[in-house]
């Protein structure tokens, strides 16, 4: 049901942000958050919740960008040199990556390729549609389905 609002929300955010590619990224992130929330409790007004989530992500992104512009680069460089993740965090990250790879391997080829072209190569939906020879709406559905599938599989494997 939420898939019905995808293009509408991308259009709204594109107009607001002035960048269709960034709007698609925000909508993907919003879908992931809403789908995670839906798994716990049903949402009474999913469209409104999806829109509010997406707008909150836009606001959060703007705040982060504003903070980054104020922070001197020297501080960021020095902080990065002293940060090293704990062995436990590295292991957890590696396990999560392996789970995502396993989940993606279970998907049909076009679905998996749509997701990877978007998330790894940063292609737009029309670029992916052209490359794979499918419609833009098929690409959108494949990406949302891939996110749902990965989320469900990881949740299942985490609880095992």
N, C-alpha and C. Protein backbone atom coordinates (compact mmCIF):
# COMPACT_ATOMS: atom_id res chain seq x y z
N UNK A 1 0.82 -1.19 0.00
CA UNK A 1 0.00 0.00 0.00
C UNK A 1 0.87 1.26 0.00
N UNK A 2 1.94 1.28 0.77
CA UNK A 2 2.80 2.45 0.84
C UNK A 2 3.45 2.76 -0.51
N UNK A 3 3.65 1.73 -1.34
CA UNK A 3 4.30 1.93 -2.64
C UNK A 3 3.53 2.92 -3.50
N UNK A 4 2.21 3.04 -3.25
CA UNK A 4 1.37 3.94 -4.05
C UNK A 4 1.77 5.40 -3.89
N UNK A 5 2.45 5.75 -2.82
CA UNK A 5 2.79 7.14 -2.54
C UNK A 5 4.20 7.50 -2.98
N UNK A 6 4.92 6.55 -3.54
CA UNK A 6 6.34 6.76 -3.83
C UNK A 6 6.58 7.95 -4.75
N UNK A 7 6.00 7.93 -5.94
CA UNK A 7 6.24 9.02 -6.91
C UNK A 7 5.72 10.35 -6.40
N UNK A 8 4.58 10.31 -5.76
CA UNK A 8 4.00 11.54 -5.21
C UNK A 8 4.96 12.18 -4.21
N UNK A 9 5.51 11.37 -3.31
CA UNK A 9 6.42 11.89 -2.29
C UNK A 9 7.74 12.35 -2.90
N UNK A 10 8.25 11.62 -3.87
CA UNK A 10 9.47 12.06 -4.55
C UNK A 10 9.24 13.41 -5.22
N UNK A 11 8.09 13.60 -5.84
CA UNK A 11 7.79 14.89 -6.49
C UNK A 11 7.74 16.02 -5.48
N UNK A 12 7.10 15.79 -4.37
CA UNK A 12 6.99 16.82 -3.33
C UNK A 12 8.38 17.18 -2.80
N UNK A 13 9.17 16.17 -2.49
CA UNK A 13 10.50 16.43 -1.93
C UNK A 13 11.45 17.02 -2.98
N UNK A 14 11.31 16.62 -4.23
CA UNK A 14 12.14 17.19 -5.29
C UNK A 14 11.90 18.69 -5.39
N UNK A 15 10.65 19.08 -5.34
CA UNK A 15 10.32 20.50 -5.40
C UNK A 15 10.86 21.24 -4.17
N UNK A 16 10.76 20.60 -3.05
CA UNK A 16 11.21 21.24 -1.80
C UNK A 16 12.74 21.32 -1.73
N UNK A 17 13.41 20.26 -2.16
CA UNK A 17 14.86 20.18 -2.02
C UNK A 17 15.60 20.70 -3.25
N UNK A 18 14.91 20.73 -4.40
CA UNK A 18 15.55 21.17 -5.62
C UNK A 18 16.50 20.14 -6.21
N UNK A 19 16.35 18.87 -5.80
CA UNK A 19 17.25 17.83 -6.27
C UNK A 19 16.50 16.50 -6.25
N UNK A 20 16.16 16.00 -7.43
CA UNK A 20 15.37 14.77 -7.53
C UNK A 20 16.14 13.56 -7.00
N UNK A 21 17.43 13.51 -7.25
CA UNK A 21 18.25 12.37 -6.80
C UNK A 21 18.27 12.32 -5.27
N UNK A 22 18.50 13.47 -4.64
CA UNK A 22 18.50 13.52 -3.17
C UNK A 22 17.11 13.20 -2.63
N UNK A 23 16.07 13.64 -3.32
CA UNK A 23 14.70 13.35 -2.87
C UNK A 23 14.44 11.84 -2.89
N UNK A 24 14.91 11.16 -3.93
CA UNK A 24 14.72 9.71 -3.99
C UNK A 24 15.44 9.02 -2.83
N UNK A 25 16.63 9.49 -2.49
CA UNK A 25 17.37 8.91 -1.36
C UNK A 25 16.59 9.09 -0.06
N UNK A 26 16.05 10.28 0.14
CA UNK A 26 15.28 10.54 1.36
C UNK A 26 14.03 9.66 1.40
N UNK A 27 13.37 9.52 0.27
CA UNK A 27 12.16 8.69 0.24
C UNK A 27 12.51 7.23 0.53
N UNK A 28 13.62 6.75 0.00
CA UNK A 28 14.05 5.37 0.31
C UNK A 28 14.27 5.21 1.81
N UNK A 29 14.99 6.17 2.40
CA UNK A 29 15.24 6.09 3.84
C UNK A 29 13.95 6.16 4.63
N UNK A 30 13.02 6.99 4.18
CA UNK A 30 11.73 7.10 4.87
C UNK A 30 10.97 5.78 4.79
N UNK A 31 10.97 5.15 3.62
CA UNK A 31 10.31 3.87 3.47
C UNK A 31 10.90 2.83 4.42
N UNK A 32 12.21 2.80 4.52
CA UNK A 32 12.85 1.83 5.41
C UNK A 32 12.38 2.06 6.85
N UNK A 33 12.39 3.31 7.28
CA UNK A 33 11.96 3.60 8.66
C UNK A 33 10.50 3.26 8.89
N UNK A 34 9.66 3.61 7.95
CA UNK A 34 8.23 3.33 8.11
C UNK A 34 7.98 1.83 8.08
N UNK A 35 8.65 1.11 7.20
CA UNK A 35 8.46 -0.34 7.14
C UNK A 35 8.93 -1.00 8.43
N UNK A 36 10.02 -0.49 9.00
CA UNK A 36 10.48 -1.04 10.28
C UNK A 36 9.44 -0.77 11.37
N UNK A 37 8.86 0.39 11.36
CA UNK A 37 7.86 0.78 12.35
C UNK A 37 6.58 -0.03 12.16
N UNK A 38 6.20 -0.27 10.91
CA UNK A 38 4.98 -1.04 10.60
C UNK A 38 5.09 -2.47 11.10
N UNK A 39 6.30 -3.00 11.14
CA UNK A 39 6.48 -4.38 11.57
C UNK A 39 6.10 -4.55 13.03
N UNK A 40 6.27 -3.49 13.83
CA UNK A 40 5.96 -3.56 15.26
C UNK A 40 4.48 -3.32 15.53
N UNK A 41 3.95 -2.23 15.02
CA UNK A 41 2.56 -1.85 15.25
C UNK A 41 1.97 -1.31 13.95
N UNK A 42 0.71 -1.63 13.67
CA UNK A 42 0.10 -1.05 12.47
C UNK A 42 -0.02 0.48 12.63
N UNK A 43 0.12 1.19 11.54
CA UNK A 43 0.02 2.64 11.55
C UNK A 43 -1.35 3.03 11.04
N UNK A 44 -2.02 3.90 11.78
CA UNK A 44 -3.39 4.28 11.41
C UNK A 44 -3.44 5.06 10.10
N UNK A 45 -2.53 6.01 9.91
CA UNK A 45 -2.51 6.82 8.70
C UNK A 45 -1.12 6.71 8.04
N UNK A 46 -0.90 5.64 7.29
CA UNK A 46 0.43 5.39 6.75
C UNK A 46 0.95 6.49 5.83
N UNK A 47 0.08 7.09 5.03
CA UNK A 47 0.53 8.16 4.13
C UNK A 47 1.05 9.35 4.93
N UNK A 48 0.30 9.78 5.92
CA UNK A 48 0.72 10.91 6.74
C UNK A 48 2.00 10.59 7.50
N UNK A 49 2.10 9.38 8.00
CA UNK A 49 3.29 8.97 8.74
C UNK A 49 4.51 8.95 7.81
N UNK A 50 4.32 8.44 6.59
CA UNK A 50 5.41 8.40 5.61
C UNK A 50 5.87 9.83 5.27
N UNK A 51 4.93 10.72 5.02
CA UNK A 51 5.27 12.10 4.70
C UNK A 51 6.01 12.77 5.86
N UNK A 52 5.51 12.58 7.07
CA UNK A 52 6.15 13.20 8.23
C UNK A 52 7.57 12.66 8.42
N UNK A 53 7.73 11.37 8.24
CA UNK A 53 9.06 10.75 8.36
C UNK A 53 10.01 11.34 7.32
N UNK A 54 9.55 11.44 6.08
CA UNK A 54 10.39 11.99 5.01
C UNK A 54 10.77 13.44 5.30
N UNK A 55 9.81 14.23 5.73
CA UNK A 55 10.11 15.64 6.02
C UNK A 55 11.07 15.76 7.20
N UNK A 56 10.92 14.91 8.18
CA UNK A 56 11.87 14.92 9.31
C UNK A 56 13.28 14.57 8.83
N UNK A 57 13.39 13.63 7.91
CA UNK A 57 14.70 13.27 7.36
C UNK A 57 15.33 14.44 6.60
N UNK A 58 14.50 15.18 5.87
CA UNK A 58 15.00 16.36 5.15
C UNK A 58 15.52 17.39 6.15
N UNK A 59 14.77 17.62 7.21
CA UNK A 59 15.17 18.58 8.24
C UNK A 59 16.45 18.13 8.92
N UNK A 60 16.52 16.85 9.29
CA UNK A 60 17.73 16.32 9.92
C UNK A 60 18.94 16.46 9.01
N UNK A 61 18.76 16.16 7.73
CA UNK A 61 19.86 16.30 6.76
C UNK A 61 20.32 17.73 6.66
N UNK A 62 19.38 18.65 6.65
CA UNK A 62 19.73 20.08 6.58
C UNK A 62 20.52 20.50 7.82
N UNK A 63 20.08 20.04 8.98
CA UNK A 63 20.80 20.36 10.22
C UNK A 63 22.22 19.80 10.20
N UNK A 64 22.37 18.57 9.77
CA UNK A 64 23.71 17.96 9.69
C UNK A 64 24.61 18.73 8.74
N UNK A 65 24.07 19.10 7.59
CA UNK A 65 24.86 19.86 6.61
C UNK A 65 25.26 21.22 7.16
N UNK A 66 24.36 21.84 7.90
CA UNK A 66 24.67 23.14 8.49
C UNK A 66 25.79 22.99 9.51
N UNK A 67 25.73 21.95 10.34
CA UNK A 67 26.78 21.72 11.33
C UNK A 67 28.12 21.43 10.67
N UNK A 68 28.10 20.65 9.59
CA UNK A 68 29.34 20.33 8.90
C UNK A 68 30.00 21.57 8.31
N UNK A 69 29.19 22.51 7.83
CA UNK A 69 29.74 23.71 7.23
C UNK A 69 30.41 24.59 8.29
N UNK A 70 29.96 24.51 9.54
CA UNK A 70 30.52 25.33 10.60
C UNK A 70 31.77 24.69 11.19
N UNK A 71 31.85 23.38 11.19
CA UNK A 71 32.96 22.64 11.79
C UNK A 71 34.23 22.78 10.95
N UNK A 72 35.35 23.19 11.54
CA UNK A 72 36.59 23.29 10.77
C UNK A 72 37.08 21.91 10.34
N UNK A 73 37.63 21.83 9.14
CA UNK A 73 38.07 20.54 8.60
C UNK A 73 39.18 19.93 9.43
N UNK A 74 40.01 20.74 10.05
CA UNK A 74 41.11 20.20 10.86
C UNK A 74 40.58 19.34 12.00
N UNK A 75 39.47 19.76 12.59
CA UNK A 75 38.86 19.01 13.70
C UNK A 75 38.39 17.65 13.20
N UNK A 76 37.75 17.64 12.03
CA UNK A 76 37.27 16.38 11.48
C UNK A 76 38.43 15.45 11.16
N UNK A 77 39.50 15.97 10.60
CA UNK A 77 40.67 15.14 10.30
C UNK A 77 41.27 14.54 11.55
N UNK A 78 41.43 15.35 12.60
CA UNK A 78 42.06 14.84 13.82
C UNK A 78 41.17 13.81 14.50
N UNK A 79 39.86 14.03 14.50
CA UNK A 79 38.95 13.07 15.11
C UNK A 79 38.99 11.73 14.37
N UNK A 80 39.09 11.78 13.06
CA UNK A 80 39.08 10.57 12.26
C UNK A 80 40.31 9.71 12.52
N UNK A 81 41.47 10.34 12.75
CA UNK A 81 42.70 9.58 12.98
C UNK A 81 42.64 8.77 14.26
N UNK A 82 41.91 9.27 15.26
CA UNK A 82 41.89 8.62 16.56
C UNK A 82 40.73 7.65 16.72
N UNK A 83 39.85 7.59 15.73
CA UNK A 83 38.71 6.69 15.83
C UNK A 83 39.05 5.34 15.21
N UNK A 84 38.88 4.32 16.00
CA UNK A 84 38.96 2.97 15.43
C UNK A 84 37.86 2.15 16.09
N UNK A 85 37.03 1.52 15.29
CA UNK A 85 35.92 0.76 15.87
C UNK A 85 36.44 -0.41 16.70
N UNK A 86 35.66 -0.75 17.70
CA UNK A 86 36.04 -1.87 18.55
C UNK A 86 35.97 -3.16 17.73
N UNK A 87 36.70 -4.20 18.13
CA UNK A 87 36.62 -5.47 17.39
C UNK A 87 35.20 -6.00 17.32
N UNK A 88 34.43 -5.80 18.40
CA UNK A 88 33.04 -6.26 18.40
C UNK A 88 32.23 -5.51 17.34
N UNK A 89 32.41 -4.19 17.26
CA UNK A 89 31.68 -3.40 16.27
C UNK A 89 32.07 -3.80 14.85
N UNK A 90 33.35 -4.07 14.64
CA UNK A 90 33.80 -4.50 13.31
C UNK A 90 33.20 -5.85 12.94
N UNK A 91 33.16 -6.75 13.90
CA UNK A 91 32.59 -8.06 13.66
C UNK A 91 31.10 -7.93 13.34
N UNK A 92 30.39 -7.12 14.12
CA UNK A 92 28.97 -6.93 13.89
C UNK A 92 28.72 -6.35 12.50
N UNK A 93 29.53 -5.38 12.12
CA UNK A 93 29.40 -4.77 10.79
C UNK A 93 29.63 -5.83 9.71
N UNK A 94 30.65 -6.66 9.89
CA UNK A 94 30.94 -7.72 8.93
C UNK A 94 29.81 -8.73 8.84
N UNK A 95 29.23 -9.07 9.98
CA UNK A 95 28.11 -10.02 9.98
C UNK A 95 26.89 -9.42 9.27
N UNK A 96 26.64 -8.15 9.53
CA UNK A 96 25.50 -7.48 8.88
C UNK A 96 25.70 -7.43 7.37
N UNK A 97 26.91 -7.12 6.96
CA UNK A 97 27.20 -7.07 5.52
C UNK A 97 26.98 -8.44 4.89
N UNK A 98 27.41 -9.49 5.58
CA UNK A 98 27.21 -10.85 5.08
C UNK A 98 25.72 -11.17 4.99
N UNK A 99 24.94 -10.75 5.97
CA UNK A 99 23.49 -10.99 5.95
C UNK A 99 22.85 -10.27 4.77
N UNK A 100 23.25 -9.02 4.53
CA UNK A 100 22.69 -8.27 3.41
C UNK A 100 23.04 -8.96 2.10
N UNK A 101 24.28 -9.42 1.97
CA UNK A 101 24.69 -10.11 0.75
C UNK A 101 23.88 -11.39 0.55
N UNK A 102 23.65 -12.14 1.62
CA UNK A 102 22.84 -13.36 1.53
C UNK A 102 21.41 -13.03 1.13
N UNK A 103 20.85 -11.98 1.75
CA UNK A 103 19.47 -11.59 1.43
C UNK A 103 19.36 -11.14 -0.02
N UNK A 104 20.34 -10.36 -0.47
CA UNK A 104 20.31 -9.89 -1.86
C UNK A 104 20.44 -11.05 -2.84
N UNK A 105 21.21 -12.06 -2.48
CA UNK A 105 21.39 -13.22 -3.35
C UNK A 105 20.08 -13.98 -3.54
N UNK A 106 19.15 -13.83 -2.62
CA UNK A 106 17.86 -14.53 -2.72
C UNK A 106 16.89 -13.83 -3.67
N UNK A 107 17.18 -12.60 -4.03
CA UNK A 107 16.27 -11.81 -4.87
C UNK A 107 16.38 -12.18 -6.34
N UNK A 108 15.31 -11.96 -7.10
CA UNK A 108 15.41 -12.11 -8.55
C UNK A 108 16.47 -11.14 -9.09
N UNK A 109 17.08 -11.48 -10.20
CA UNK A 109 18.21 -10.72 -10.74
C UNK A 109 17.87 -9.25 -10.96
N UNK A 110 16.76 -8.96 -11.62
CA UNK A 110 16.43 -7.56 -11.93
C UNK A 110 16.18 -6.77 -10.65
N UNK A 111 15.56 -7.38 -9.69
CA UNK A 111 15.31 -6.73 -8.40
C UNK A 111 16.64 -6.40 -7.71
N UNK A 112 17.51 -7.38 -7.64
CA UNK A 112 18.82 -7.18 -7.01
C UNK A 112 19.63 -6.12 -7.76
N UNK A 113 19.64 -6.20 -9.09
CA UNK A 113 20.40 -5.24 -9.89
C UNK A 113 19.86 -3.82 -9.71
N UNK A 114 18.54 -3.67 -9.67
CA UNK A 114 17.94 -2.35 -9.45
C UNK A 114 18.42 -1.76 -8.13
N UNK A 115 18.38 -2.56 -7.10
CA UNK A 115 18.80 -2.12 -5.77
C UNK A 115 20.28 -1.74 -5.76
N UNK A 116 21.12 -2.60 -6.32
CA UNK A 116 22.57 -2.35 -6.30
C UNK A 116 22.95 -1.15 -7.16
N UNK A 117 22.32 -0.99 -8.31
CA UNK A 117 22.62 0.16 -9.16
C UNK A 117 22.23 1.47 -8.46
N UNK A 118 21.18 1.42 -7.68
CA UNK A 118 20.75 2.63 -6.96
C UNK A 118 21.65 2.90 -5.76
N UNK A 119 21.83 1.89 -4.92
CA UNK A 119 22.52 2.09 -3.65
C UNK A 119 24.04 2.11 -3.78
N UNK A 120 24.61 1.33 -4.69
CA UNK A 120 26.06 1.29 -4.81
C UNK A 120 26.60 2.23 -5.88
N UNK A 121 25.90 2.30 -7.00
CA UNK A 121 26.39 3.14 -8.09
C UNK A 121 25.73 4.50 -8.13
N UNK A 122 24.65 4.67 -7.35
CA UNK A 122 24.00 5.97 -7.26
C UNK A 122 23.24 6.40 -8.51
N UNK A 123 22.85 5.43 -9.34
CA UNK A 123 22.11 5.78 -10.54
C UNK A 123 20.68 6.21 -10.18
N UNK A 124 20.13 7.07 -11.00
CA UNK A 124 18.73 7.49 -10.80
C UNK A 124 17.81 6.39 -11.31
N UNK A 125 16.55 6.49 -10.95
CA UNK A 125 15.57 5.49 -11.41
C UNK A 125 15.47 5.44 -12.93
N UNK A 126 15.41 6.60 -13.61
CA UNK A 126 15.36 6.52 -15.08
C UNK A 126 16.63 5.88 -15.68
N UNK A 127 17.79 6.16 -15.10
CA UNK A 127 19.03 5.56 -15.59
C UNK A 127 19.01 4.03 -15.41
N UNK A 128 18.51 3.60 -14.26
CA UNK A 128 18.42 2.16 -14.00
C UNK A 128 17.42 1.52 -14.96
N UNK A 129 16.28 2.17 -15.14
CA UNK A 129 15.26 1.64 -16.05
C UNK A 129 15.82 1.47 -17.46
N UNK A 130 16.57 2.47 -17.91
CA UNK A 130 17.16 2.39 -19.25
C UNK A 130 18.19 1.27 -19.33
N UNK A 131 19.03 1.18 -18.33
CA UNK A 131 20.08 0.16 -18.34
C UNK A 131 19.51 -1.25 -18.31
N UNK A 132 18.44 -1.45 -17.51
CA UNK A 132 17.88 -2.79 -17.37
C UNK A 132 16.75 -3.10 -18.36
N UNK A 133 16.32 -2.07 -19.09
CA UNK A 133 15.26 -2.28 -20.07
C UNK A 133 13.90 -2.52 -19.45
N UNK A 134 13.63 -1.84 -18.34
CA UNK A 134 12.33 -1.95 -17.67
C UNK A 134 11.79 -0.53 -17.44
N UNK A 135 10.56 -0.44 -16.99
CA UNK A 135 9.97 0.87 -16.73
C UNK A 135 10.47 1.43 -15.40
N UNK A 136 10.31 2.73 -15.25
CA UNK A 136 10.72 3.39 -14.01
C UNK A 136 9.92 2.86 -12.82
N UNK A 137 8.63 2.61 -13.02
CA UNK A 137 7.81 2.11 -11.91
C UNK A 137 8.26 0.72 -11.47
N UNK A 138 8.72 -0.09 -12.42
CA UNK A 138 9.23 -1.42 -12.07
C UNK A 138 10.50 -1.26 -11.23
N UNK A 139 11.37 -0.33 -11.60
CA UNK A 139 12.58 -0.07 -10.83
C UNK A 139 12.22 0.34 -9.40
N UNK A 140 11.27 1.26 -9.26
CA UNK A 140 10.86 1.72 -7.93
C UNK A 140 10.34 0.57 -7.09
N UNK A 141 9.51 -0.26 -7.68
CA UNK A 141 8.96 -1.40 -6.94
C UNK A 141 10.05 -2.39 -6.55
N UNK A 142 10.99 -2.63 -7.46
CA UNK A 142 12.09 -3.55 -7.15
C UNK A 142 12.93 -3.03 -5.98
N UNK A 143 13.22 -1.75 -5.97
CA UNK A 143 14.05 -1.19 -4.89
C UNK A 143 13.34 -1.29 -3.56
N UNK A 144 12.07 -0.94 -3.53
CA UNK A 144 11.29 -1.04 -2.28
C UNK A 144 11.20 -2.50 -1.84
N UNK A 145 10.95 -3.40 -2.79
CA UNK A 145 10.86 -4.83 -2.44
C UNK A 145 12.19 -5.36 -1.93
N UNK A 146 13.29 -4.92 -2.52
CA UNK A 146 14.61 -5.36 -2.06
C UNK A 146 14.86 -4.88 -0.63
N UNK A 147 14.49 -3.64 -0.34
CA UNK A 147 14.67 -3.13 1.03
C UNK A 147 13.82 -3.91 2.02
N UNK A 148 12.58 -4.19 1.65
CA UNK A 148 11.69 -4.97 2.52
C UNK A 148 12.28 -6.36 2.77
N UNK A 149 12.71 -7.00 1.70
CA UNK A 149 13.24 -8.35 1.80
C UNK A 149 14.47 -8.38 2.70
N UNK A 150 15.40 -7.47 2.47
CA UNK A 150 16.62 -7.44 3.28
C UNK A 150 16.29 -7.19 4.75
N UNK A 151 15.40 -6.26 5.00
CA UNK A 151 15.02 -5.96 6.37
C UNK A 151 14.39 -7.18 7.05
N UNK A 152 13.49 -7.85 6.35
CA UNK A 152 12.82 -9.02 6.92
C UNK A 152 13.80 -10.16 7.17
N UNK A 153 14.68 -10.41 6.23
CA UNK A 153 15.64 -11.51 6.39
C UNK A 153 16.61 -11.23 7.53
N UNK A 154 17.11 -10.02 7.61
CA UNK A 154 18.05 -9.67 8.68
C UNK A 154 17.36 -9.78 10.03
N UNK A 155 16.14 -9.32 10.11
CA UNK A 155 15.39 -9.44 11.37
C UNK A 155 15.21 -10.91 11.74
N UNK A 156 14.89 -11.74 10.76
CA UNK A 156 14.71 -13.17 11.00
C UNK A 156 16.03 -13.80 11.47
N UNK A 157 17.13 -13.48 10.80
CA UNK A 157 18.42 -14.06 11.15
C UNK A 157 18.94 -13.53 12.49
N UNK A 158 18.62 -12.27 12.81
CA UNK A 158 19.04 -11.72 14.11
C UNK A 158 18.35 -12.44 15.26
N UNK A 159 17.09 -12.84 15.03
CA UNK A 159 16.32 -13.49 16.10
C UNK A 159 16.58 -14.99 16.18
N UNK A 160 17.31 -15.52 15.22
CA UNK A 160 17.56 -16.97 15.20
C UNK A 160 18.64 -17.35 16.21
